[in-house]
Amino acid sequence: MGLRSVDRLEGDLPEQLHRLYLNEWWTHRRSVDDVRRMLDGSDVVIGVVDEGRLAGFARVITDFVYKALVLDVIVDSEYRGSALGARLMDEVVGHPRLRDVLHFELYCRPELVRFYERWGFTKDLGELQFMRRGQASTPPAPAVSHDPS
């Protein structure tokens, strides 16, 4: 394998990433147009390409100081078991643009916790809780004004 890392997905690589997403429960509803927009909005993109074929991918959203959220670590099924996921994570945590970031964060399924622990990730967050707001969530009712006049 002639694997090389890229920091931008150009040519047909966004479409190849979309095809990888279609095979996963957590990304199968993504459209190719949204994938292109997502790539434009991500601060750090790491693709691993094997002779024009996207073998693996990860991305990071960050402020480059306090927080870096690692997202979408994905390896093509034909490359699984080849340590490509570990290579992606090595490149993420060792990325020169991320060297000053205080906390890297991610979320994963329970069966992947041990994998990410190798890079110092922990599920022991004290009292912190993961929360999510979906696009269809209803905003809170406006506060009632008690104007005394």
N, C-alpha and C. Protein backbone atom coordinates (compact mmCIF):
# COMPACT_ATOMS: atom_id res chain seq x y z
N MET A 1 0.84 -1.19 0.00
CA MET A 1 0.00 0.00 0.00
C MET A 1 0.88 1.25 0.00
N GLY A 2 0.59 2.19 -0.89
CA GLY A 2 1.28 3.47 -0.94
C GLY A 2 0.45 4.54 -0.27
N LEU A 3 0.25 4.44 1.04
CA LEU A 3 -0.61 5.37 1.76
C LEU A 3 0.08 6.71 1.93
N ARG A 4 -0.68 7.78 1.67
CA ARG A 4 -0.17 9.13 1.92
C ARG A 4 -1.29 9.95 2.56
N SER A 5 -0.89 10.88 3.40
CA SER A 5 -1.85 11.73 4.08
C SER A 5 -2.07 13.01 3.30
N VAL A 6 -3.31 13.49 3.32
CA VAL A 6 -3.66 14.76 2.69
C VAL A 6 -4.42 15.61 3.70
N ASP A 7 -4.31 16.93 3.55
CA ASP A 7 -5.02 17.83 4.46
C ASP A 7 -6.21 18.51 3.80
N ARG A 8 -6.52 18.08 2.58
CA ARG A 8 -7.72 18.55 1.87
C ARG A 8 -8.23 17.41 1.01
N LEU A 9 -9.54 17.29 0.93
CA LEU A 9 -10.12 16.29 0.05
C LEU A 9 -10.52 16.98 -1.25
N GLU A 10 -9.78 16.70 -2.30
CA GLU A 10 -10.01 17.33 -3.59
C GLU A 10 -10.41 16.27 -4.61
N GLY A 11 -10.78 16.74 -5.80
CA GLY A 11 -11.18 15.82 -6.87
C GLY A 11 -12.41 15.05 -6.46
N ASP A 12 -12.35 13.72 -6.57
CA ASP A 12 -13.50 12.90 -6.20
C ASP A 12 -13.44 12.39 -4.76
N LEU A 13 -12.46 12.85 -3.98
CA LEU A 13 -12.35 12.38 -2.60
C LEU A 13 -13.55 12.74 -1.73
N PRO A 14 -14.19 13.92 -1.88
CA PRO A 14 -15.41 14.15 -1.10
C PRO A 14 -16.51 13.13 -1.41
N GLU A 15 -16.63 12.73 -2.67
CA GLU A 15 -17.63 11.72 -3.04
C GLU A 15 -17.25 10.36 -2.46
N GLN A 16 -15.95 10.05 -2.43
CA GLN A 16 -15.50 8.81 -1.82
C GLN A 16 -15.79 8.80 -0.32
N LEU A 17 -15.58 9.94 0.33
CA LEU A 17 -15.91 10.04 1.76
C LEU A 17 -17.40 9.82 1.95
N HIS A 18 -18.22 10.40 1.11
CA HIS A 18 -19.66 10.21 1.20
C HIS A 18 -20.02 8.73 1.09
N ARG A 19 -19.36 8.02 0.19
CA ARG A 19 -19.63 6.58 0.05
C ARG A 19 -19.23 5.82 1.32
N LEU A 20 -18.13 6.22 1.95
CA LEU A 20 -17.76 5.60 3.23
C LEU A 20 -18.85 5.87 4.27
N TYR A 21 -19.34 7.10 4.31
CA TYR A 21 -20.38 7.47 5.27
C TYR A 21 -21.65 6.64 5.06
N LEU A 22 -21.99 6.35 3.82
CA LEU A 22 -23.23 5.62 3.55
C LEU A 22 -23.24 4.23 4.18
N ASN A 23 -22.07 3.69 4.49
CA ASN A 23 -21.96 2.35 5.06
C ASN A 23 -21.97 2.31 6.58
N GLU A 24 -22.09 3.44 7.24
CA GLU A 24 -22.03 3.49 8.70
C GLU A 24 -23.36 3.98 9.27
N TRP A 25 -23.79 3.39 10.38
CA TRP A 25 -25.06 3.75 11.00
C TRP A 25 -25.08 5.22 11.43
N TRP A 26 -23.95 5.77 11.79
CA TRP A 26 -23.90 7.12 12.35
C TRP A 26 -23.76 8.21 11.30
N THR A 27 -23.58 7.83 10.03
CA THR A 27 -23.40 8.83 8.99
C THR A 27 -24.17 8.52 7.71
N HIS A 28 -24.98 7.49 7.70
CA HIS A 28 -25.59 7.02 6.46
C HIS A 28 -26.63 7.98 5.87
N ARG A 29 -27.05 8.97 6.61
CA ARG A 29 -28.06 9.91 6.09
C ARG A 29 -27.44 11.19 5.51
N ARG A 30 -26.14 11.27 5.50
CA ARG A 30 -25.48 12.49 5.01
C ARG A 30 -25.54 12.54 3.49
N SER A 31 -25.78 13.75 2.98
CA SER A 31 -25.79 13.95 1.53
C SER A 31 -24.40 14.40 1.08
N VAL A 32 -24.11 14.19 -0.18
CA VAL A 32 -22.80 14.58 -0.70
C VAL A 32 -22.61 16.10 -0.64
N ASP A 33 -23.69 16.87 -0.85
CA ASP A 33 -23.57 18.33 -0.75
C ASP A 33 -23.25 18.76 0.68
N ASP A 34 -23.89 18.12 1.66
CA ASP A 34 -23.60 18.43 3.06
C ASP A 34 -22.17 18.02 3.43
N VAL A 35 -21.70 16.91 2.87
CA VAL A 35 -20.32 16.48 3.14
C VAL A 35 -19.34 17.53 2.62
N ARG A 36 -19.60 18.07 1.45
CA ARG A 36 -18.73 19.14 0.91
C ARG A 36 -18.74 20.36 1.83
N ARG A 37 -19.92 20.76 2.28
CA ARG A 37 -20.04 21.91 3.20
C ARG A 37 -19.33 21.62 4.51
N MET A 38 -19.47 20.40 5.03
CA MET A 38 -18.81 20.00 6.27
C MET A 38 -17.31 20.11 6.12
N LEU A 39 -16.77 19.64 5.01
CA LEU A 39 -15.33 19.71 4.78
C LEU A 39 -14.85 21.16 4.78
N ASP A 40 -15.63 22.05 4.16
CA ASP A 40 -15.27 23.47 4.14
C ASP A 40 -15.29 24.08 5.53
N GLY A 41 -16.16 23.57 6.41
CA GLY A 41 -16.30 24.13 7.74
C GLY A 41 -15.44 23.49 8.81
N SER A 42 -14.68 22.48 8.46
CA SER A 42 -13.82 21.79 9.43
C SER A 42 -12.46 22.47 9.48
N ASP A 43 -11.92 22.61 10.68
CA ASP A 43 -10.66 23.32 10.86
C ASP A 43 -9.45 22.49 10.45
N VAL A 44 -9.47 21.20 10.74
CA VAL A 44 -8.39 20.29 10.37
C VAL A 44 -9.02 19.06 9.73
N VAL A 45 -8.52 18.69 8.57
CA VAL A 45 -8.99 17.53 7.84
C VAL A 45 -7.78 16.64 7.57
N ILE A 46 -7.94 15.36 7.84
CA ILE A 46 -6.88 14.40 7.56
C ILE A 46 -7.48 13.25 6.76
N GLY A 47 -7.00 13.08 5.56
CA GLY A 47 -7.40 11.95 4.74
C GLY A 47 -6.18 11.07 4.49
N VAL A 48 -6.38 9.79 4.44
CA VAL A 48 -5.31 8.87 4.06
C VAL A 48 -5.74 8.24 2.75
N VAL A 49 -4.89 8.42 1.74
CA VAL A 49 -5.22 8.02 0.38
C VAL A 49 -4.25 6.93 -0.08
N ASP A 50 -4.79 5.93 -0.73
CA ASP A 50 -4.01 4.84 -1.29
C ASP A 50 -4.21 4.85 -2.81
N GLU A 51 -3.25 5.43 -3.53
CA GLU A 51 -3.31 5.51 -4.99
C GLU A 51 -4.66 6.02 -5.48
N GLY A 52 -5.09 7.15 -4.95
CA GLY A 52 -6.32 7.80 -5.38
C GLY A 52 -7.57 7.35 -4.65
N ARG A 53 -7.45 6.35 -3.81
CA ARG A 53 -8.60 5.83 -3.07
C ARG A 53 -8.54 6.30 -1.62
N LEU A 54 -9.65 6.85 -1.13
CA LEU A 54 -9.72 7.29 0.26
C LEU A 54 -9.84 6.07 1.17
N ALA A 55 -8.79 5.84 1.96
CA ALA A 55 -8.76 4.67 2.84
C ALA A 55 -9.21 5.01 4.25
N GLY A 56 -9.01 6.26 4.67
CA GLY A 56 -9.40 6.67 6.01
C GLY A 56 -9.51 8.17 6.11
N PHE A 57 -10.20 8.63 7.16
CA PHE A 57 -10.51 10.05 7.29
C PHE A 57 -10.75 10.39 8.75
N ALA A 58 -10.39 11.59 9.14
CA ALA A 58 -10.75 12.17 10.43
C ALA A 58 -10.78 13.68 10.26
N ARG A 59 -11.53 14.34 11.13
CA ARG A 59 -11.57 15.80 11.08
C ARG A 59 -11.65 16.34 12.49
N VAL A 60 -11.33 17.64 12.62
CA VAL A 60 -11.31 18.29 13.92
C VAL A 60 -11.94 19.67 13.78
N ILE A 61 -12.77 20.01 14.75
CA ILE A 61 -13.29 21.37 14.90
C ILE A 61 -12.65 21.92 16.16
N THR A 62 -12.06 23.12 16.07
CA THR A 62 -11.27 23.61 17.18
C THR A 62 -11.17 25.13 17.23
N ASP A 63 -10.81 25.64 18.42
CA ASP A 63 -10.44 27.05 18.57
C ASP A 63 -8.92 27.21 18.61
N PHE A 64 -8.19 26.09 18.50
CA PHE A 64 -6.73 26.02 18.48
C PHE A 64 -6.07 26.41 19.80
N VAL A 65 -6.87 26.59 20.86
CA VAL A 65 -6.32 26.95 22.16
C VAL A 65 -6.83 26.01 23.25
N TYR A 66 -8.13 26.00 23.46
CA TYR A 66 -8.72 25.27 24.57
C TYR A 66 -9.28 23.91 24.19
N LYS A 67 -10.00 23.85 23.08
CA LYS A 67 -10.75 22.64 22.73
C LYS A 67 -10.52 22.23 21.29
N ALA A 68 -10.47 20.92 21.09
CA ALA A 68 -10.44 20.34 19.75
C ALA A 68 -11.36 19.12 19.79
N LEU A 69 -12.40 19.15 19.00
CA LEU A 69 -13.37 18.06 18.94
C LEU A 69 -13.04 17.18 17.74
N VAL A 70 -12.65 15.95 18.01
CA VAL A 70 -12.30 14.98 16.97
C VAL A 70 -13.59 14.32 16.50
N LEU A 71 -13.80 14.33 15.19
CA LEU A 71 -15.04 13.81 14.62
C LEU A 71 -14.76 12.90 13.43
N ASP A 72 -15.69 12.01 13.18
CA ASP A 72 -15.75 11.24 11.94
C ASP A 72 -14.49 10.43 11.65
N VAL A 73 -13.90 9.83 12.66
CA VAL A 73 -12.78 8.92 12.41
C VAL A 73 -13.37 7.69 11.72
N ILE A 74 -12.96 7.47 10.48
CA ILE A 74 -13.56 6.40 9.69
C ILE A 74 -12.50 5.75 8.81
N VAL A 75 -12.57 4.44 8.72
CA VAL A 75 -11.64 3.66 7.91
C VAL A 75 -12.45 2.78 6.97
N ASP A 76 -12.09 2.80 5.70
CA ASP A 76 -12.73 1.94 4.71
C ASP A 76 -12.65 0.50 5.19
N SER A 77 -13.72 -0.26 4.98
CA SER A 77 -13.79 -1.63 5.49
C SER A 77 -12.63 -2.50 5.00
N GLU A 78 -12.13 -2.25 3.81
CA GLU A 78 -11.02 -3.06 3.28
C GLU A 78 -9.69 -2.75 3.96
N TYR A 79 -9.60 -1.67 4.71
CA TYR A 79 -8.36 -1.28 5.38
C TYR A 79 -8.43 -1.49 6.89
N ARG A 80 -9.56 -1.96 7.38
CA ARG A 80 -9.68 -2.20 8.81
C ARG A 80 -8.76 -3.34 9.22
N GLY A 81 -8.19 -3.23 10.39
CA GLY A 81 -7.24 -4.22 10.86
C GLY A 81 -5.82 -3.94 10.41
N SER A 82 -5.61 -2.83 9.69
CA SER A 82 -4.28 -2.49 9.19
C SER A 82 -3.62 -1.37 10.01
N ALA A 83 -4.21 -1.02 11.15
CA ALA A 83 -3.72 0.06 12.03
C ALA A 83 -3.92 1.44 11.42
N LEU A 84 -4.77 1.56 10.42
CA LEU A 84 -5.02 2.86 9.81
C LEU A 84 -5.75 3.80 10.77
N GLY A 85 -6.66 3.27 11.58
CA GLY A 85 -7.34 4.11 12.58
C GLY A 85 -6.33 4.69 13.56
N ALA A 86 -5.36 3.89 13.97
CA ALA A 86 -4.31 4.38 14.87
C ALA A 86 -3.47 5.45 14.18
N ARG A 87 -3.18 5.25 12.91
CA ARG A 87 -2.43 6.27 12.17
C ARG A 87 -3.19 7.59 12.13
N LEU A 88 -4.49 7.51 11.86
CA LEU A 88 -5.31 8.73 11.84
C LEU A 88 -5.26 9.44 13.18
N MET A 89 -5.41 8.69 14.28
CA MET A 89 -5.39 9.31 15.60
C MET A 89 -4.01 9.87 15.93
N ASP A 90 -2.94 9.18 15.54
CA ASP A 90 -1.59 9.72 15.73
C ASP A 90 -1.45 11.06 15.01
N GLU A 91 -1.98 11.13 13.79
CA GLU A 91 -1.89 12.36 13.01
C GLU A 91 -2.74 13.47 13.62
N VAL A 92 -3.89 13.11 14.19
CA VAL A 92 -4.73 14.12 14.83
C VAL A 92 -4.02 14.70 16.05
N VAL A 93 -3.64 13.85 17.00
CA VAL A 93 -3.06 14.39 18.24
C VAL A 93 -1.67 14.96 18.04
N GLY A 94 -0.99 14.59 16.96
CA GLY A 94 0.33 15.13 16.68
C GLY A 94 0.33 16.24 15.65
N HIS A 95 -0.84 16.69 15.23
CA HIS A 95 -0.94 17.69 14.17
C HIS A 95 -0.31 19.01 14.63
N PRO A 96 0.57 19.60 13.82
CA PRO A 96 1.24 20.84 14.24
C PRO A 96 0.30 22.00 14.56
N ARG A 97 -0.83 22.09 13.88
CA ARG A 97 -1.77 23.19 14.16
C ARG A 97 -2.52 22.97 15.47
N LEU A 98 -2.45 21.75 16.01
CA LEU A 98 -3.20 21.43 17.23
C LEU A 98 -2.28 21.27 18.45
N ARG A 99 -1.00 21.55 18.30
CA ARG A 99 -0.03 21.26 19.37
C ARG A 99 -0.29 22.03 20.65
N ASP A 100 -0.93 23.20 20.59
CA ASP A 100 -1.16 24.01 21.79
C ASP A 100 -2.54 23.82 22.39
N VAL A 101 -3.35 22.93 21.85
CA VAL A 101 -4.72 22.73 22.34
C VAL A 101 -4.68 22.04 23.70
N LEU A 102 -5.43 22.59 24.65
CA LEU A 102 -5.47 22.07 26.01
C LEU A 102 -6.20 20.73 26.11
N HIS A 103 -7.39 20.63 25.51
CA HIS A 103 -8.21 19.41 25.61
C HIS A 103 -8.68 18.94 24.23
N PHE A 104 -8.41 17.69 23.93
CA PHE A 104 -9.01 17.02 22.78
C PHE A 104 -10.22 16.26 23.32
N GLU A 105 -11.31 16.30 22.58
CA GLU A 105 -12.52 15.61 23.00
C GLU A 105 -13.09 14.83 21.83
N LEU A 106 -13.81 13.78 22.15
CA LEU A 106 -14.53 13.02 21.15
C LEU A 106 -15.62 12.24 21.85
N TYR A 107 -16.51 11.69 21.09
CA TYR A 107 -17.47 10.75 21.65
C TYR A 107 -17.47 9.51 20.77
N CYS A 108 -17.70 8.37 21.42
CA CYS A 108 -17.63 7.10 20.70
C CYS A 108 -18.53 6.08 21.39
N ARG A 109 -18.71 4.98 20.72
CA ARG A 109 -19.47 3.86 21.29
C ARG A 109 -18.61 3.16 22.34
N PRO A 110 -19.25 2.49 23.30
CA PRO A 110 -18.50 1.83 24.38
C PRO A 110 -17.41 0.88 23.90
N GLU A 111 -17.63 0.18 22.81
CA GLU A 111 -16.63 -0.78 22.35
C GLU A 111 -15.36 -0.13 21.79
N LEU A 112 -15.39 1.19 21.60
CA LEU A 112 -14.21 1.90 21.09
C LEU A 112 -13.45 2.66 22.17
N VAL A 113 -13.94 2.65 23.39
CA VAL A 113 -13.29 3.37 24.48
C VAL A 113 -11.84 2.94 24.63
N ARG A 114 -11.57 1.64 24.67
CA ARG A 114 -10.19 1.15 24.84
C ARG A 114 -9.27 1.62 23.71
N PHE A 115 -9.79 1.67 22.49
CA PHE A 115 -9.00 2.15 21.37
C PHE A 115 -8.52 3.58 21.63
N TYR A 116 -9.43 4.46 22.03
CA TYR A 116 -9.08 5.87 22.22
C TYR A 116 -8.29 6.13 23.50
N GLU A 117 -8.38 5.24 24.45
CA GLU A 117 -7.61 5.40 25.69
C GLU A 117 -6.11 5.43 25.40
N ARG A 118 -5.65 4.81 24.33
CA ARG A 118 -4.22 4.80 23.99
C ARG A 118 -3.66 6.20 23.80
N TRP A 119 -4.51 7.16 23.45
CA TRP A 119 -4.08 8.54 23.24
C TRP A 119 -4.44 9.42 24.43
N GLY A 120 -4.79 8.81 25.55
CA GLY A 120 -5.07 9.57 26.76
C GLY A 120 -6.52 9.99 26.93
N PHE A 121 -7.40 9.57 26.04
CA PHE A 121 -8.81 9.89 26.21
C PHE A 121 -9.37 9.07 27.37
N THR A 122 -10.28 9.66 28.11
CA THR A 122 -10.88 8.98 29.23
C THR A 122 -12.38 9.24 29.24
N LYS A 123 -13.12 8.30 29.77
CA LYS A 123 -14.56 8.51 29.94
C LYS A 123 -14.86 9.03 31.34
N ASP A 124 -13.82 9.16 32.17
CA ASP A 124 -13.97 9.70 33.51
C ASP A 124 -13.95 11.22 33.44
N LEU A 125 -15.13 11.81 33.38
CA LEU A 125 -15.26 13.25 33.24
C LEU A 125 -15.84 13.89 34.49
N GLY A 126 -15.77 13.18 35.61
CA GLY A 126 -16.34 13.73 36.83
C GLY A 126 -17.83 13.91 36.68
N GLU A 127 -18.29 15.10 36.96
CA GLU A 127 -19.73 15.39 36.89
C GLU A 127 -20.17 15.89 35.53
N LEU A 128 -19.25 16.03 34.59
CA LEU A 128 -19.63 16.51 33.26
C LEU A 128 -20.52 15.49 32.57
N GLN A 129 -21.47 15.98 31.82
CA GLN A 129 -22.40 15.14 31.06
C GLN A 129 -22.38 15.58 29.61
N PHE A 130 -22.47 14.62 28.71
CA PHE A 130 -22.61 14.90 27.28
C PHE A 130 -24.06 15.31 27.03
N MET A 131 -24.26 16.39 26.28
CA MET A 131 -25.61 16.85 25.96
C MET A 131 -25.67 17.14 24.46
N ARG A 132 -26.87 17.06 23.91
CA ARG A 132 -27.05 17.32 22.49
C ARG A 132 -28.38 18.04 22.28
N ARG A 133 -28.39 18.97 21.35
CA ARG A 133 -29.62 19.62 20.90
C ARG A 133 -29.75 19.32 19.42
N GLY A 134 -30.85 18.72 19.02
CA GLY A 134 -31.09 18.41 17.62
C GLY A 134 -31.68 19.58 16.88
N GLN A 135 -31.60 19.53 15.57
CA GLN A 135 -32.11 20.61 14.74
C GLN A 135 -33.61 20.82 14.94
N ALA A 136 -34.33 19.76 15.26
CA ALA A 136 -35.78 19.86 15.43
C ALA A 136 -36.19 20.26 16.85
N SER A 137 -35.23 20.52 17.72
CA SER A 137 -35.56 20.89 19.10
C SER A 137 -36.30 22.21 19.14
N THR A 138 -37.20 22.33 20.09
CA THR A 138 -37.99 23.53 20.26
C THR A 138 -37.27 24.48 21.21
N PRO A 139 -37.12 25.75 20.82
CA PRO A 139 -36.46 26.69 21.73
C PRO A 139 -37.35 26.94 22.95
N PRO A 140 -36.75 27.38 24.06
CA PRO A 140 -37.56 27.63 25.25
C PRO A 140 -38.53 28.79 25.01
N ALA A 141 -39.61 28.78 25.78
CA ALA A 141 -40.59 29.87 25.69
C ALA A 141 -39.93 31.16 26.14
N PRO A 142 -40.33 32.30 25.56
CA PRO A 142 -39.72 33.56 25.98
C PRO A 142 -40.03 33.83 27.45
N ALA A 143 -39.08 34.48 28.09
CA ALA A 143 -39.26 34.83 29.51
C ALA A 143 -40.41 35.82 29.64
N VAL A 144 -41.17 35.67 30.69
CA VAL A 144 -42.29 36.58 30.94
C VAL A 144 -41.73 37.86 31.56
N SER A 145 -42.11 38.96 30.98
CA SER A 145 -41.63 40.25 31.48
C SER A 145 -42.52 40.71 32.62
N HIS A 146 -41.91 41.21 33.66
CA HIS A 146 -42.64 41.76 34.82
C HIS A 146 -42.31 43.24 34.92
N ASP A 147 -42.67 43.97 33.88
CA ASP A 147 -42.39 45.41 33.84
C ASP A 147 -43.28 46.13 34.83
N PRO A 148 -42.69 46.78 35.85
CA PRO A 148 -43.48 47.42 36.90
C PRO A 148 -44.17 48.70 36.45
N SER A 149 -43.93 49.21 35.25
CA SER A 149 -44.52 50.50 34.88
C SER A 149 -45.93 50.41 34.43
